[in-house]
Amino acid sequence: MAKKVFVSGCYDLLHSGHVEFFQQASRYGDLYVGIGSDATYLEYKHRKPMFPQEERLFMVKNIKAVKDTSIRDKGKGLEIW
């Protein structure tokens, strides 16, 4: 069974640096990515994201290096994986 690797972020304005980060992280095991919810983004960045959480989820989920992803709210656990 492969190790599970977890990373999280907002990934608004997804760019090549994010993709490279995912590729490198996936070398350590199956990569699971937490996407900051719109509410979490607003709390940390003090503005609304450019892309809504569902669109950011779709983009990250479709990166080859990513095994699975979910929208995360501040303080929520990792029970789904």
C-alpha atoms as a PDB file:
ATOM      1  CA  MET A   1       0.000   0.000   0.000  1.00  0.00           C
ATOM      2  CA  ALA A   2       1.376   3.395  -1.005  1.00  0.00           C
ATOM      3  CA  LYS A   3       1.944   6.111   1.560  1.00  0.00           C
ATOM      4  CA  LYS A   4      -0.632   8.881   1.682  1.00  0.00           C
ATOM      5  CA  VAL A   5       0.709  12.386   1.192  1.00  0.00           C
ATOM      6  CA  PHE A   6      -1.489  15.362   2.109  1.00  0.00           C
ATOM      7  CA  VAL A   7      -1.004  18.991   1.098  1.00  0.00           C
ATOM      8  CA  SER A   8      -3.411  21.876   1.325  1.00  0.00           C
ATOM      9  CA  GLY A   9      -3.802  25.359  -0.023  1.00  0.00           C
ATOM     10  CA  CYS A  10      -6.230  27.684  -1.743  1.00  0.00           C
ATOM     11  CA  TYR A  11      -4.825  27.245  -5.270  1.00  0.00           C
ATOM     12  CA  ASP A  12      -6.619  30.291  -6.606  1.00  0.00           C
ATOM     13  CA  LEU A  13      -5.047  31.275  -9.916  1.00  0.00           C
ATOM     14  CA  LEU A  14      -3.534  27.814 -10.300  1.00  0.00           C
ATOM     15  CA  HIS A  15      -0.128  28.036 -12.006  1.00  0.00           C
ATOM     16  CA  SER A  16       2.832  25.904 -13.081  1.00  0.00           C
ATOM     17  CA  GLY A  17       4.486  26.258  -9.666  1.00  0.00           C
ATOM     18  CA  HIS A  18       1.499  24.543  -8.059  1.00  0.00           C
ATOM     19  CA  VAL A  19       1.634  21.738 -10.637  1.00  0.00           C
ATOM     20  CA  GLU A  20       5.372  21.238 -10.047  1.00  0.00           C
ATOM     21  CA  PHE A  21       4.724  21.153  -6.284  1.00  0.00           C
ATOM     22  CA  PHE A  22       2.063  18.456  -6.781  1.00  0.00           C
ATOM     23  CA  GLN A  23       4.395  16.442  -9.025  1.00  0.00           C
ATOM     24  CA  GLN A  24       7.190  16.551  -6.454  1.00  0.00           C
ATOM     25  CA  ALA A  25       4.878  15.722  -3.537  1.00  0.00           C
ATOM     26  CA  SER A  26       3.387  12.748  -5.407  1.00  0.00           C
ATOM     27  CA  ARG A  27       6.843  11.133  -5.544  1.00  0.00           C
ATOM     28  CA  TYR A  28       6.425  10.314  -1.843  1.00  0.00           C
ATOM     29  CA  GLY A  29       3.089   8.486  -2.243  1.00  0.00           C
ATOM     30  CA  ASP A  30      -0.533   8.927  -3.267  1.00  0.00           C
ATOM     31  CA  LEU A  31      -1.200  12.658  -3.221  1.00  0.00           C
ATOM     32  CA  TYR A  32      -4.350  14.013  -1.584  1.00  0.00           C
ATOM     33  CA  VAL A  33      -4.979  17.749  -1.855  1.00  0.00           C
ATOM     34  CA  GLY A  34      -7.154  19.871   0.412  1.00  0.00           C
ATOM     35  CA  ILE A  35      -8.623  22.955  -1.250  1.00  0.00           C
ATOM     36  CA  GLY A  36      -9.429  25.884   1.013  1.00  0.00           C
ATOM     37  CA  SER A  37     -13.156  26.656   0.923  1.00  0.00           C
ATOM     38  CA  ASP A  38     -14.380  30.058  -0.197  1.00  0.00           C
ATOM     39  CA  ALA A  39     -15.067  30.914   3.472  1.00  0.00           C
ATOM     40  CA  THR A  40     -11.561  29.865   4.524  1.00  0.00           C
ATOM     41  CA  TYR A  41     -10.046  31.842   1.644  1.00  0.00           C
ATOM     42  CA  LEU A  42     -11.982  34.951   2.665  1.00  0.00           C
ATOM     43  CA  GLU A  43     -10.873  34.546   6.288  1.00  0.00           C
ATOM     44  CA  TYR A  44      -7.164  34.248   5.434  1.00  0.00           C
ATOM     45  CA  LYS A  45      -6.883  36.545   2.414  1.00  0.00           C
ATOM     46  CA  HIS A  46      -9.564  39.103   3.377  1.00  0.00           C
ATOM     47  CA  ARG A  47     -11.049  38.989  -0.132  1.00  0.00           C
ATOM     48  CA  LYS A  48     -13.074  36.630  -2.269  1.00  0.00           C
ATOM     49  CA  PRO A  49     -11.173  34.155  -4.460  1.00  0.00           C
ATOM     50  CA  MET A  50     -10.929  34.765  -8.209  1.00  0.00           C
ATOM     51  CA  PHE A  51     -12.310  31.261  -8.816  1.00  0.00           C
ATOM     52  CA  PRO A  52     -15.039  29.645  -6.672  1.00  0.00           C
ATOM     53  CA  GLN A  53     -14.140  26.544  -4.660  1.00  0.00           C
ATOM     54  CA  GLU A  54     -15.861  24.121  -7.054  1.00  0.00           C
ATOM     55  CA  GLU A  55     -13.842  25.432 -10.001  1.00  0.00           C
ATOM     56  CA  ARG A  56     -10.576  25.235  -8.038  1.00  0.00           C
ATOM     57  CA  LEU A  57     -11.522  21.698  -6.989  1.00  0.00           C
ATOM     58  CA  PHE A  58     -12.154  20.703 -10.623  1.00  0.00           C
ATOM     59  CA  MET A  59      -8.802  22.111 -11.800  1.00  0.00           C
ATOM     60  CA  VAL A  60      -6.716  20.441  -9.078  1.00  0.00           C
ATOM     61  CA  LYS A  61      -8.611  17.142  -9.304  1.00  0.00           C
ATOM     62  CA  ASN A  62      -7.701  16.913 -12.995  1.00  0.00           C
ATOM     63  CA  ILE A  63      -3.947  17.141 -12.462  1.00  0.00           C
ATOM     64  CA  LYS A  64      -2.375  13.755 -13.157  1.00  0.00           C
ATOM     65  CA  ALA A  65      -0.208  13.757 -10.010  1.00  0.00           C
ATOM     66  CA  VAL A  66      -3.233  14.193  -7.698  1.00  0.00           C
ATOM     67  CA  LYS A  67      -4.961  11.033  -6.406  1.00  0.00           C
ATOM     68  CA  ASP A  68      -7.935  12.841  -4.851  1.00  0.00           C
ATOM     69  CA  THR A  69      -8.955  16.228  -3.538  1.00  0.00           C
ATOM     70  CA  SER A  70     -11.668  17.781  -1.416  1.00  0.00           C
ATOM     71  CA  ILE A  71     -12.804  21.175  -0.235  1.00  0.00           C
ATOM     72  CA  ARG A  72     -11.590  21.821   3.299  1.00  0.00           C
ATOM     73  CA  ASP A  73     -12.916  24.171   5.930  1.00  0.00           C
ATOM     74  CA  LYS A  74     -10.663  25.527   8.661  1.00  0.00           C
ATOM     75  CA  GLY A  75     -10.375  23.105  11.550  1.00  0.00           C
ATOM     76  CA  LYS A  76     -11.899  20.104   9.768  1.00  0.00           C
ATOM     77  CA  GLY A  77     -10.151  16.743   9.987  1.00  0.00           C
ATOM     78  CA  LEU A  78      -8.958  14.360   7.303  1.00  0.00           C
ATOM     79  CA  GLU A  79     -11.550  11.654   7.956  1.00  0.00           C
ATOM     80  CA  ILE A  80     -12.533  11.308   4.295  1.00  0.00           C
ATOM     81  CA  TRP A  81      -9.198   9.697   3.448  1.00  0.00           C
END
